[in-house]
Amino acid sequence: MKHREFKDFIYSHFTKVSKAFSSPKRFELLDLLSQSPKTVEVLAKETTMSVANTSKHLQSLLESKLVTFKKEKNYVIYELADESIDSILSSIKVLTEKQMIEVKHTRVDYISKASEIEAISIEDLSSYLEQNNSQLIDVRPKREYEAEHIPRSKSIPITELKAMFASLPKDKTIIAYCRGPYCIYATEATEFLKEQGYTAYLLEAGVHEWKQLNQLN
């Protein structure tokens, strides 16, 4: 193999993988799968796509070897092919907010409701929990909590919050988190709990951010 042939071969494969990230829907699918394995039907519902379109995007991700699948009874379960994909997704988000400030402003305005909701950073979470006057809740779907969650958190899916909120102690600060900085579930949970008279904060992070912080430490 000549030098130019080698370069062409390598870079063509680099772009085969990177091309998979160029579609907003495929990026969203990868983001959802970073939380836990999911069926085509669940992914279609989460992304408001038809099952047919979802399957088509998943096929592209399979061809790029970014996802894998297994069959369980009548279901096909998709998952990320490698944990390093989490880091790639995170790096793209950080770079995008750095290079396109309007993305950060939009996130802050939408998730924090123009500062109407008090938010805490992942770096400050430990001090809140160590004071023993806070309760951390995970408002993602149960299957995502079971796949992985921040230690000492309690699973209260957003769809079950209205039925379960009374079990939360009124004398503690409630800190809600979901899939990360771009997830609206924790915002909705914080708003609801504040309406019920709780002191509630939004955690500006999720499981991946918590893992990254602990790897650094």
Protein backbone atom coordinates (compact mmCIF):
# COMPACT_ATOMS: atom_id res chain seq x y z
CA MET A 1 0.00 0.00 0.00
CA LYS A 2 1.38 3.38 -0.99
CA HIS A 3 1.41 6.43 1.26
CA ARG A 4 -1.53 8.14 -0.49
CA GLU A 5 -3.55 4.92 -0.50
CA PHE A 6 -2.96 4.54 3.21
CA LYS A 7 -4.11 8.10 3.90
CA ASP A 8 -7.20 7.74 1.73
CA PHE A 9 -8.12 4.47 3.42
CA ILE A 10 -7.72 5.86 6.95
CA TYR A 11 -9.56 9.14 6.39
CA SER A 12 -12.40 7.52 4.49
CA HIS A 13 -13.06 5.33 7.52
CA PHE A 14 -12.79 8.29 9.89
CA THR A 15 -15.54 10.01 7.93
CA LYS A 16 -17.70 6.88 7.83
CA VAL A 17 -17.91 7.05 11.61
CA SER A 18 -18.15 10.83 11.89
CA LYS A 19 -20.91 10.92 9.27
CA ALA A 20 -23.15 9.04 11.69
CA PHE A 21 -23.02 12.06 14.02
CA SER A 22 -24.12 14.47 11.28
CA SER A 23 -27.82 13.66 11.60
CA PRO A 24 -29.71 15.31 14.52
CA LYS A 25 -31.91 12.24 14.91
CA ARG A 26 -28.97 9.81 14.92
CA PHE A 27 -27.19 12.00 17.47
CA GLU A 28 -30.31 11.94 19.63
CA LEU A 29 -30.57 8.16 19.30
CA LEU A 30 -26.97 7.77 20.46
CA ASP A 31 -27.66 10.15 23.34
CA LEU A 32 -30.66 8.08 24.44
CA LEU A 33 -28.73 4.82 24.15
CA SER A 34 -25.99 6.29 26.32
CA GLN A 35 -28.51 6.16 29.19
CA SER A 36 -29.49 2.51 28.73
CA PRO A 37 -30.22 -0.10 26.04
CA LYS A 38 -33.61 0.42 24.39
CA THR A 39 -36.00 -1.18 21.94
CA VAL A 40 -36.81 0.34 18.56
CA GLU A 41 -40.29 1.12 19.82
CA VAL A 42 -39.02 3.05 22.86
CA LEU A 43 -36.53 4.97 20.74
CA ALA A 44 -39.22 5.83 18.20
CA LYS A 45 -41.49 7.18 20.93
CA GLU A 46 -38.70 9.22 22.56
CA THR A 47 -37.64 10.81 19.26
CA THR A 48 -41.20 11.20 17.89
CA MET A 49 -40.24 9.26 14.77
CA SER A 50 -42.00 6.36 13.15
CA VAL A 51 -40.63 2.91 13.87
CA ALA A 52 -39.63 2.67 10.20
CA ASN A 53 -37.58 5.89 10.29
CA THR A 54 -36.04 4.94 13.61
CA SER A 55 -35.00 1.57 12.21
CA LYS A 56 -33.46 3.29 9.18
CA HIS A 57 -31.31 5.54 11.37
CA LEU A 58 -30.33 2.61 13.56
CA GLN A 59 -29.23 0.72 10.47
CA SER A 60 -26.86 3.60 9.62
CA LEU A 61 -25.48 3.48 13.15
CA LEU A 62 -25.02 -0.28 12.84
CA GLU A 63 -23.11 0.17 9.58
CA SER A 64 -20.84 2.67 11.33
CA LYS A 65 -20.42 0.13 14.15
CA LEU A 66 -21.56 2.65 16.75
CA VAL A 67 -24.38 0.47 18.05
CA THR A 68 -25.05 -3.22 18.47
CA PHE A 69 -28.24 -5.16 19.08
CA LYS A 70 -29.53 -8.34 20.65
CA LYS A 71 -32.87 -10.11 20.50
CA GLU A 72 -34.97 -10.80 23.57
CA LYS A 73 -38.15 -12.72 22.81
CA ASN A 74 -40.05 -10.54 20.32
CA TYR A 75 -37.95 -7.42 20.87
CA VAL A 76 -34.73 -6.09 19.39
CA ILE A 77 -32.64 -4.24 21.98
CA TYR A 78 -30.09 -1.67 20.81
CA GLU A 79 -27.12 -0.38 22.81
CA LEU A 80 -23.93 1.57 22.26
CA ALA A 81 -21.09 -0.48 20.84
CA ASP A 82 -18.49 1.09 23.10
CA GLU A 83 -18.41 3.28 26.23
CA SER A 84 -16.05 5.72 24.50
CA ILE A 85 -19.02 6.96 22.46
CA ASP A 86 -20.29 8.65 25.63
CA SER A 87 -17.12 10.75 25.71
CA ILE A 88 -17.48 11.67 22.03
CA LEU A 89 -21.07 12.84 22.56
CA SER A 90 -20.00 14.88 25.57
CA SER A 91 -17.05 16.45 23.73
CA ILE A 92 -19.26 17.50 20.82
CA LYS A 93 -21.73 19.15 23.22
CA VAL A 94 -18.98 21.02 25.07
CA LEU A 95 -17.34 22.16 21.83
CA THR A 96 -20.68 23.27 20.37
CA GLU A 97 -21.51 25.42 23.40
CA LYS A 98 -18.00 26.90 23.30
CA GLN A 99 -18.09 27.75 19.60
CA MET A 100 -21.79 28.64 19.36
CA ILE A 101 -22.73 30.63 22.45
CA GLU A 102 -26.37 30.80 21.37
CA VAL A 103 -26.66 27.08 22.13
CA LYS A 104 -25.60 27.64 25.74
CA HIS A 105 -27.94 30.61 26.12
CA THR A 106 -30.84 28.61 24.71
CA ARG A 107 -30.11 25.70 27.05
CA VAL A 108 -29.92 27.92 30.12
CA ASP A 109 -33.10 29.80 29.24
CA TYR A 110 -35.07 26.65 28.46
CA ILE A 111 -33.83 24.35 31.21
CA SER A 112 -33.44 26.91 34.00
CA LYS A 113 -36.47 28.93 32.88
CA ALA A 114 -34.53 32.21 32.73
CA SER A 115 -33.16 31.70 36.27
CA GLU A 116 -36.58 30.97 37.79
CA ILE A 117 -35.21 27.62 38.93
CA GLU A 118 -32.21 27.40 41.21
CA ALA A 119 -29.59 25.05 39.79
CA ILE A 120 -26.54 23.45 41.35
CA SER A 121 -23.47 22.08 39.61
CA ILE A 122 -22.20 18.52 39.76
CA GLU A 123 -19.13 19.85 41.59
CA ASP A 124 -21.33 21.12 44.43
CA LEU A 125 -23.51 18.02 44.71
CA SER A 126 -21.31 16.17 47.20
CA SER A 127 -21.34 19.03 49.69
CA TYR A 128 -25.15 19.21 49.53
CA LEU A 129 -25.50 15.48 50.15
CA GLU A 130 -22.83 15.35 52.86
CA GLN A 131 -24.76 17.91 54.90
CA ASN A 132 -27.50 15.26 55.10
CA ASN A 133 -30.26 17.78 54.47
CA SER A 134 -30.82 16.90 50.82
CA GLN A 135 -32.49 14.11 48.90
CA LEU A 136 -31.31 13.38 45.36
CA ILE A 137 -33.95 12.02 42.99
CA ASP A 138 -33.52 10.50 39.54
CA VAL A 139 -36.52 11.31 37.36
CA ARG A 140 -35.48 9.29 34.31
CA PRO A 141 -37.40 6.15 33.31
CA LYS A 142 -36.88 3.25 35.71
CA ARG A 143 -34.87 1.20 33.19
CA GLU A 144 -32.29 3.98 32.92
CA TYR A 145 -31.96 4.24 36.70
CA GLU A 146 -31.47 0.48 36.91
CA ALA A 147 -28.79 0.60 34.21
CA GLU A 148 -26.77 3.21 36.12
CA HIS A 149 -27.43 6.06 38.52
CA ILE A 150 -25.72 8.54 40.83
CA PRO A 151 -25.17 6.96 44.25
CA ARG A 152 -27.65 7.86 47.01
CA SER A 153 -30.30 8.88 44.49
CA LYS A 154 -33.90 7.67 44.67
CA SER A 155 -35.75 6.65 41.53
CA ILE A 156 -38.92 8.66 40.96
CA PRO A 157 -39.66 8.68 37.22
CA ILE A 158 -41.21 11.92 36.01
CA THR A 159 -44.28 9.96 34.89
CA GLU A 160 -44.79 8.77 38.48
CA LEU A 161 -43.84 11.94 40.35
CA LYS A 162 -47.39 13.10 41.07
CA ALA A 163 -48.19 9.74 42.66
CA MET A 164 -44.92 9.45 44.60
CA PHE A 165 -43.91 12.97 45.65
CA ALA A 166 -45.62 12.68 49.06
CA SER A 167 -42.97 10.13 50.07
CA LEU A 168 -40.30 12.82 49.89
CA PRO A 169 -39.38 14.54 53.19
CA LYS A 170 -40.57 18.15 53.41
CA ASP A 171 -37.67 19.05 55.74
CA LYS A 172 -35.05 18.24 53.10
CA THR A 173 -33.95 20.00 49.95
CA ILE A 174 -34.89 17.91 46.92
CA ILE A 175 -32.36 17.83 44.08
CA ALA A 176 -33.67 16.46 40.78
CA TYR A 177 -31.59 15.18 37.90
CA CYS A 178 -32.32 13.40 34.62
CA ARG A 179 -30.27 12.71 31.49
CA GLY A 180 -27.95 15.67 31.77
CA PRO A 181 -27.85 19.40 30.99
CA TYR A 182 -30.22 19.15 28.02
CA CYS A 183 -32.96 17.08 29.66
CA ILE A 184 -36.24 18.79 30.59
CA TYR A 185 -37.50 16.12 33.02
CA ALA A 186 -35.59 17.53 35.99
CA THR A 187 -36.89 21.02 35.21
CA GLU A 188 -40.46 19.75 35.19
CA ALA A 189 -39.89 17.86 38.45
CA THR A 190 -38.36 20.90 40.16
CA GLU A 191 -41.22 23.15 39.06
CA PHE A 192 -43.81 20.67 40.31
CA LEU A 193 -42.12 20.12 43.68
CA LYS A 194 -41.79 23.86 44.26
CA GLU A 195 -45.53 24.20 43.60
CA GLN A 196 -46.12 21.57 46.30
CA GLY A 197 -44.14 23.59 48.84
CA TYR A 198 -40.81 21.77 48.63
CA THR A 199 -37.41 23.40 48.45
CA ALA A 200 -36.24 21.95 45.15
CA TYR A 201 -33.14 22.43 43.03
CA LEU A 202 -32.17 21.31 39.56
CA LEU A 203 -28.90 19.43 39.10
CA GLU A 204 -27.19 20.68 35.94
CA ALA A 205 -25.81 17.25 35.18
CA GLY A 206 -26.55 13.56 34.85
CA VAL A 207 -24.85 10.21 35.32
CA HIS A 208 -22.22 10.83 32.61
CA GLU A 209 -21.14 14.15 34.12
CA TRP A 210 -20.95 12.52 37.54
CA LYS A 211 -18.75 9.74 36.13
CA GLN A 212 -16.48 12.22 34.38
CA LEU A 213 -16.02 14.19 37.59
CA ASN A 214 -15.13 11.09 39.57
CA GLN A 215 -12.66 9.95 36.92
CA LEU A 216 -10.87 13.29 37.23
CA ASN A 217 -10.78 12.94 41.00
